[in-house]
PDB file of N, CA and C in Angstrom:
ATOM      1  N   MET A   1     136.697  90.265 116.263  1.00  0.00           N
ATOM      2  CA  MET A   1     136.768  90.759 115.647  1.00  0.00           C
ATOM      3  C   MET A   1     135.392  91.694 114.428  1.00  0.00           C
ATOM      4  N   PRO A   2     134.876  92.752 114.707  1.00  0.00           N
ATOM      5  CA  PRO A   2     133.418  92.784 114.034  1.00  0.00           C
ATOM      6  C   PRO A   2     133.286  92.256 112.547  1.00  0.00           C
ATOM      7  N   LYS A   3     132.621  92.013 112.299  1.00  0.00           N
ATOM      8  CA  LYS A   3     132.177  91.222 111.155  1.00  0.00           C
ATOM      9  C   LYS A   3     130.809  91.538 110.405  1.00  0.00           C
ATOM     10  N   HIS A   4     129.934  91.827 111.064  1.00  0.00           N
ATOM     11  CA  HIS A   4     128.423  92.382 110.544  1.00  0.00           C
ATOM     12  C   HIS A   4     128.641  93.543 109.758  1.00  0.00           C
ATOM     13  N   PHE A   5     129.603  94.636 110.189  1.00  0.00           N
ATOM     14  CA  PHE A   5     129.588  95.386 109.241  1.00  0.00           C
ATOM     15  C   PHE A   5     130.163  95.430 107.685  1.00  0.00           C
ATOM     16  N   SER A   6     130.627  94.338 107.418  1.00  0.00           N
ATOM     17  CA  SER A   6     131.191  94.038 106.006  1.00  0.00           C
ATOM     18  C   SER A   6     129.789  93.593 104.997  1.00  0.00           C
ATOM     19  N   ASN A   7     128.636  93.822 105.670  1.00  0.00           N
ATOM     20  CA  ASN A   7     127.671  93.106 105.147  1.00  0.00           C
ATOM     21  C   ASN A   7     127.202  94.299 104.374  1.00  0.00           C
ATOM     22  N   ILE A   8     127.311  95.881 105.122  1.00  0.00           N
ATOM     23  CA  ILE A   8     126.477  96.998 104.538  1.00  0.00           C
ATOM     24  C   ILE A   8     127.183  97.329 103.416  1.00  0.00           C
ATOM     25  N   TYR A   9     126.519  98.201 102.446  1.00  0.00           N
ATOM     26  CA  TYR A   9     126.680  98.767 101.631  1.00  0.00           C
ATOM     27  C   TYR A   9     127.708 100.267 101.998  1.00  0.00           C
ATOM     28  N   GLY A  10     129.002 100.450 101.240  1.00  0.00           N
ATOM     29  CA  GLY A  10     129.036 101.528 101.929  1.00  0.00           C
ATOM     30  C   GLY A  10     130.689 101.701 102.223  1.00  0.00           C
ATOM     31  N   TYR A  11     131.336 102.744 102.805  1.00  0.00           N
ATOM     32  CA  TYR A  11     132.907 102.786 102.754  1.00  0.00           C
ATOM     33  C   TYR A  11     133.129 103.402 103.922  1.00  0.00           C
ATOM     34  N   PHE A  12     134.199 102.265 104.517  1.00  0.00           N
ATOM     35  CA  PHE A  12     134.874 102.154 105.214  1.00  0.00           C
ATOM     36  C   PHE A  12     136.458 101.682 105.489  1.00  0.00           C
ATOM     37  N   ASP A  13     137.178 102.297 105.702  1.00  0.00           N
ATOM     38  CA  ASP A  13     139.096 101.609 105.568  1.00  0.00           C
ATOM     39  C   ASP A  13     139.652 102.548 106.708  1.00  0.00           C
ATOM     40  N   PHE A  14     139.111 102.563 107.971  1.00  0.00           N
ATOM     41  CA  PHE A  14     139.643 103.132 108.855  1.00  0.00           C
ATOM     42  C   PHE A  14     139.479 102.618 110.207  1.00  0.00           C
ATOM     43  N   ASP A  15     139.198 101.203 110.122  1.00  0.00           N
ATOM     44  CA  ASP A  15     139.267 100.282 111.575  1.00  0.00           C
ATOM     45  C   ASP A  15     140.262 100.464 112.303  1.00  0.00           C
ATOM     46  N   ASP A  16     141.557 100.655 112.023  1.00  0.00           N
ATOM     47  CA  ASP A  16     142.835 101.181 112.674  1.00  0.00           C
ATOM     48  C   ASP A  16     142.316 102.481 113.804  1.00  0.00           C
ATOM     49  N   ILE A  17     141.966 103.316 113.448  1.00  0.00           N
ATOM     50  CA  ILE A  17     141.337 104.537 113.930  1.00  0.00           C
ATOM     51  C   ILE A  17     140.242 104.550 114.882  1.00  0.00           C
ATOM     52  N   TYR A  18     139.166 103.476 114.723  1.00  0.00           N
ATOM     53  CA  TYR A  18     138.000 103.132 115.518  1.00  0.00           C
ATOM     54  C   TYR A  18     138.805 102.265 116.531  1.00  0.00           C
ATOM     55  N   ASN A  19     139.674 101.543 116.463  1.00  0.00           N
ATOM     56  CA  ASN A  19     140.094 100.019 117.426  1.00  0.00           C
ATOM     57  C   ASN A  19     141.137 101.195 118.083  1.00  0.00           C
ATOM     58  N   LEU A  20     141.788 102.326 117.697  1.00  0.00           N
ATOM     59  CA  LEU A  20     142.815 103.184 118.752  1.00  0.00           C
ATOM     60  C   LEU A  20     141.391 104.080 119.770  1.00  0.00           C
ATOM     61  N   ALA A  21     140.711 104.250 119.187  1.00  0.00           N
ATOM     62  CA  ALA A  21     140.094 105.124 120.141  1.00  0.00           C
ATOM     63  C   ALA A  21     139.228 104.252 121.236  1.00  0.00           C
ATOM     64  N   VAL A  22     138.910 103.419 121.107  1.00  0.00           N
ATOM     65  CA  VAL A  22     138.235 102.009 121.989  1.00  0.00           C
ATOM     66  C   VAL A  22     139.389 102.101 122.873  1.00  0.00           C
ATOM     67  N   ASN A  23     140.500 101.686 122.750  1.00  0.00           N
ATOM     68  CA  ASN A  23     141.410 100.937 123.666  1.00  0.00           C
ATOM     69  C   ASN A  23     141.629 102.136 124.091  1.00  0.00           C
ATOM     70  N   ARG A  24     141.851 103.331 123.874  1.00  0.00           N
ATOM     71  CA  ARG A  24     142.762 104.617 124.434  1.00  0.00           C
ATOM     72  C   ARG A  24     141.941 105.036 124.988  1.00  0.00           C
ATOM     73  N   PHE A  25     140.350 105.429 124.887  1.00  0.00           N
ATOM     74  CA  PHE A  25     139.558 105.857 126.132  1.00  0.00           C
ATOM     75  C   PHE A  25     139.305 105.201 126.953  1.00  0.00           C
ATOM     76  N   PRO A  26     138.817 105.817 127.993  1.00  0.00           N
ATOM     77  CA  PRO A  26     138.081 104.545 129.333  1.00  0.00           C
ATOM     78  C   PRO A  26     136.610 104.281 128.787  1.00  0.00           C
ATOM     79  N   LYS A  27     136.385 102.871 129.628  1.00  0.00           N
ATOM     80  CA  LYS A  27     135.145 102.430 129.558  1.00  0.00           C
ATOM     81  C   LYS A  27     134.129 103.052 129.570  1.00  0.00           C
ATOM     82  N   ASN A  28     133.801 104.226 130.311  1.00  0.00           N
ATOM     83  CA  ASN A  28     132.597 104.625 130.303  1.00  0.00           C
ATOM     84  C   ASN A  28     132.823 106.081 129.371  1.00  0.00           C
ATOM     85  N   ALA A  29     133.444 106.266 128.332  1.00  0.00           N
ATOM     86  CA  ALA A  29     133.603 107.569 127.566  1.00  0.00           C
ATOM     87  C   ALA A  29     132.620 107.291 126.349  1.00  0.00           C
ATOM     88  N   SER A  30     131.847 108.436 125.904  1.00  0.00           N
ATOM     89  CA  SER A  30     131.369 108.631 124.415  1.00  0.00           C
ATOM     90  C   SER A  30     131.527 108.955 123.300  1.00  0.00           C
ATOM     91  N   PHE A  31     131.327 108.301 122.552  1.00  0.00           N
ATOM     92  CA  PHE A  31     131.569 108.577 121.318  1.00  0.00           C
ATOM     93  C   PHE A  31     130.287 108.948 120.303  1.00  0.00           C
ATOM     94  N   ILE A  32     130.562 109.560 119.461  1.00  0.00           N
ATOM     95  CA  ILE A  32     129.377 110.387 118.656  1.00  0.00           C
ATOM     96  C   ILE A  32     129.923 110.293 117.070  1.00  0.00           C
ATOM     97  N   GLU A  33     129.544 109.799 115.845  1.00  0.00           N
ATOM     98  CA  GLU A  33     129.828 109.584 114.641  1.00  0.00           C
ATOM     99  C   GLU A  33     129.202 110.524 113.972  1.00  0.00           C
ATOM    100  N   ILE A  34     129.731 111.839 113.623  1.00  0.00           N
ATOM    101  CA  ILE A  34     128.414 112.582 112.605  1.00  0.00           C
ATOM    102  C   ILE A  34     128.966 112.174 111.068  1.00  0.00           C
ATOM    103  N   GLY A  35     127.206 112.062 110.807  1.00  0.00           N
ATOM    104  CA  GLY A  35     127.148 111.399 109.384  1.00  0.00           C
ATOM    105  C   GLY A  35     127.591 109.904 108.870  1.00  0.00           C
ATOM    106  N   VAL A  36     126.443 109.118 109.351  1.00  0.00           N
ATOM    107  CA  VAL A  36     126.816 108.022 109.256  1.00  0.00           C
ATOM    108  C   VAL A  36     125.906 107.569 107.907  1.00  0.00           C
ATOM    109  N   TRP A  37     125.430 107.823 107.309  1.00  0.00           N
ATOM    110  CA  TRP A  37     125.338 107.698 105.756  1.00  0.00           C
ATOM    111  C   TRP A  37     124.196 106.074 105.913  1.00  0.00           C
ATOM    112  N   LEU A  38     124.798 105.222 105.551  1.00  0.00           N
ATOM    113  CA  LEU A  38     124.261 103.617 105.223  1.00  0.00           C
ATOM    114  C   LEU A  38     124.787 102.706 106.737  1.00  0.00           C
ATOM    115  N   GLY A  39     125.860 102.981 107.440  1.00  0.00           N
ATOM    116  CA  GLY A  39     125.978 102.953 108.518  1.00  0.00           C
ATOM    117  C   GLY A  39     127.105 101.929 108.621  1.00  0.00           C
ATOM    118  N   LYS A  40     127.485 101.362 107.382  1.00  0.00           N
ATOM    119  CA  LYS A  40     129.036 100.577 108.089  1.00  0.00           C
ATOM    120  C   LYS A  40     130.142 100.968 108.893  1.00  0.00           C
ATOM    121  N   SER A  41     130.334 101.983 109.041  1.00  0.00           N
ATOM    122  CA  SER A  41     131.410 102.060 110.234  1.00  0.00           C
ATOM    123  C   SER A  41     130.539 102.383 111.606  1.00  0.00           C
ATOM    124  N   ALA A  42     129.416 102.598 111.804  1.00  0.00           N
ATOM    125  CA  ALA A  42     128.487 102.663 112.682  1.00  0.00           C
ATOM    126  C   ALA A  42     128.410 101.410 113.188  1.00  0.00           C
ATOM    127  N   CYS A  43     127.934 100.511 112.774  1.00  0.00           N
ATOM    128  CA  CYS A  43     128.060  99.132 112.935  1.00  0.00           C
ATOM    129  C   CYS A  43     129.328  98.360 113.354  1.00  0.00           C
ATOM    130  N   TYR A  44     130.700  98.658 112.798  1.00  0.00           N
ATOM    131  CA  TYR A  44     131.825  98.286 113.001  1.00  0.00           C
ATOM    132  C   TYR A  44     132.112  98.983 114.847  1.00  0.00           C
ATOM    133  N   MET A  45     131.969 100.139 114.613  1.00  0.00           N
ATOM    134  CA  MET A  45     132.035 101.008 116.209  1.00  0.00           C
ATOM    135  C   MET A  45     130.742 100.139 117.370  1.00  0.00           C
ATOM    136  N   ALA A  46     129.960 100.108 116.828  1.00  0.00           N
ATOM    137  CA  ALA A  46     129.120  99.282 117.609  1.00  0.00           C
ATOM    138  C   ALA A  46     129.453  97.940 117.719  1.00  0.00           C
ATOM    139  N   GLU A  47     129.413  97.089 117.034  1.00  0.00           N
ATOM    140  CA  GLU A  47     130.276  95.729 117.383  1.00  0.00           C
ATOM    141  C   GLU A  47     131.662  95.627 118.410  1.00  0.00           C
ATOM    142  N   LEU A  48     132.245  96.416 117.941  1.00  0.00           N
ATOM    143  CA  LEU A  48     133.612  96.658 118.432  1.00  0.00           C
ATOM    144  C   LEU A  48     133.490  96.931 120.005  1.00  0.00           C
ATOM    145  N   LEU A  49     132.254  97.992 120.357  1.00  0.00           N
ATOM    146  CA  LEU A  49     132.257  98.185 121.632  1.00  0.00           C
ATOM    147  C   LEU A  49     131.452  97.148 122.505  1.00  0.00           C
ATOM    148  N   LYS A  50     130.903  96.534 121.314  1.00  0.00           N
ATOM    149  CA  LYS A  50     130.071  95.154 122.460  1.00  0.00           C
ATOM    150  C   LYS A  50     131.449  94.051 122.512  1.00  0.00           C
ATOM    151  N   GLU A  51     131.968  93.862 121.504  1.00  0.00           N
ATOM    152  CA  GLU A  51     133.135  92.987 121.997  1.00  0.00           C
ATOM    153  C   GLU A  51     133.601  93.269 122.965  1.00  0.00           C
ATOM    154  N   LYS A  52     134.296  94.588 123.154  1.00  0.00           N
ATOM    155  CA  LYS A  52     135.122  95.075 124.178  1.00  0.00           C
ATOM    156  C   LYS A  52     133.947  94.605 125.457  1.00  0.00           C
ATOM    157  N   GLY A  53     133.117  94.808 125.740  1.00  0.00           N
ATOM    158  CA  GLY A  53     132.340  94.496 127.190  1.00  0.00           C
ATOM    159  C   GLY A  53     132.562  95.798 127.696  1.00  0.00           C
ATOM    160  N   SER A  54     132.626  97.019 127.129  1.00  0.00           N
ATOM    161  CA  SER A  54     132.340  98.316 127.559  1.00  0.00           C
ATOM    162  C   SER A  54     131.190  98.997 128.034  1.00  0.00           C
ATOM    163  N   ASP A  55     131.017  99.932 128.737  1.00  0.00           N
ATOM    164  CA  ASP A  55     130.224 100.609 129.181  1.00  0.00           C
ATOM    165  C   ASP A  55     129.935 101.816 128.482  1.00  0.00           C
ATOM    166  N   ASN A  56     130.814 102.218 127.488  1.00  0.00           N
ATOM    167  CA  ASN A  56     130.512 103.314 126.263  1.00  0.00           C
ATOM    168  C   ASN A  56     129.210 103.549 125.931  1.00  0.00           C
ATOM    169  N   LYS A  57     128.871 104.796 125.567  1.00  0.00           N
ATOM    170  CA  LYS A  57     127.920 105.128 125.006  1.00  0.00           C
ATOM    171  C   LYS A  57     128.495 105.715 123.587  1.00  0.00           C
ATOM    172  N   PHE A  58     127.497 105.227 122.671  1.00  0.00           N
ATOM    173  CA  PHE A  58     127.787 105.478 120.981  1.00  0.00           C
ATOM    174  C   PHE A  58     126.931 106.165 120.555  1.00  0.00           C
ATOM    175  N   TYR A  59     126.343 107.477 120.168  1.00  0.00           N
ATOM    176  CA  TYR A  59     125.317 108.140 119.260  1.00  0.00           C
ATOM    177  C   TYR A  59     125.963 108.035 118.104  1.00  0.00           C
ATOM    178  N   CYS A  60     124.893 108.554 117.210  1.00  0.00           N
ATOM    179  CA  CYS A  60     125.099 108.505 115.603  1.00  0.00           C
ATOM    180  C   CYS A  60     123.936 110.006 115.373  1.00  0.00           C
ATOM    181  N   LEU A  61     124.560 110.993 114.416  1.00  0.00           N
ATOM    182  CA  LEU A  61     123.711 111.506 113.812  1.00  0.00           C
ATOM    183  C   LEU A  61     123.676 111.967 112.647  1.00  0.00           C
ATOM    184  N   ASP A  62     122.845 112.055 111.965  1.00  0.00           N
ATOM    185  CA  ASP A  62     122.889 112.324 110.547  1.00  0.00           C
ATOM    186  C   ASP A  62     121.177 112.700 110.559  1.00  0.00           C
ATOM    187  N   HIS A  63     120.978 113.038 109.126  1.00  0.00           N
ATOM    188  CA  HIS A  63     119.787 113.891 108.840  1.00  0.00           C
ATOM    189  C   HIS A  63     118.841 112.609 108.390  1.00  0.00           C
ATOM    190  N   PHE A  64     119.572 111.293 107.777  1.00  0.00           N
ATOM    191  CA  PHE A  64     118.813 110.315 107.337  1.00  0.00           C
ATOM    192  C   PHE A  64     117.932 110.140 106.228  1.00  0.00           C
ATOM    193  N   MET A  65     118.034 111.365 105.863  1.00  0.00           N
ATOM    194  CA  MET A  65     117.399 111.861 104.519  1.00  0.00           C
ATOM    195  C   MET A  65     117.756 111.283 103.079  1.00  0.00           C
ATOM    196  N   GLY A  66     118.881 110.293 103.076  1.00  0.00           N
ATOM    197  CA  GLY A  66     119.955 110.095 101.927  1.00  0.00           C
ATOM    198  C   GLY A  66     120.715 110.792 101.215  1.00  0.00           C
ATOM    199  N   GLU A  67     120.629 111.248 100.119  1.00  0.00           N
ATOM    200  CA  GLU A  67     121.894 112.357  99.598  1.00  0.00           C
ATOM    201  C   GLU A  67     120.948 113.510  99.332  1.00  0.00           C
ATOM    202  N   ILE A  68     120.698 114.588  99.643  1.00  0.00           N
ATOM    203  CA  ILE A  68     120.506 115.779  99.435  1.00  0.00           C
ATOM    204  C   ILE A  68     121.123 116.738  98.670  1.00  0.00           C
TER     205      ILE A  68
END
């Protein structure tokens, strides 16, 4: 179970959706998160993919300029 994400400030309460996606899609699927903000959910997904030992690609898309 991912744990480092809990040290990141932000909002994330949909881990069940990320778990479902990782378990449902093939090990070579690609995922993208649009709107990463501080990275809490992105960190969760990255940790989850690493724990599963998958060959998935995970991309994060954001302007990384803070709140504008």
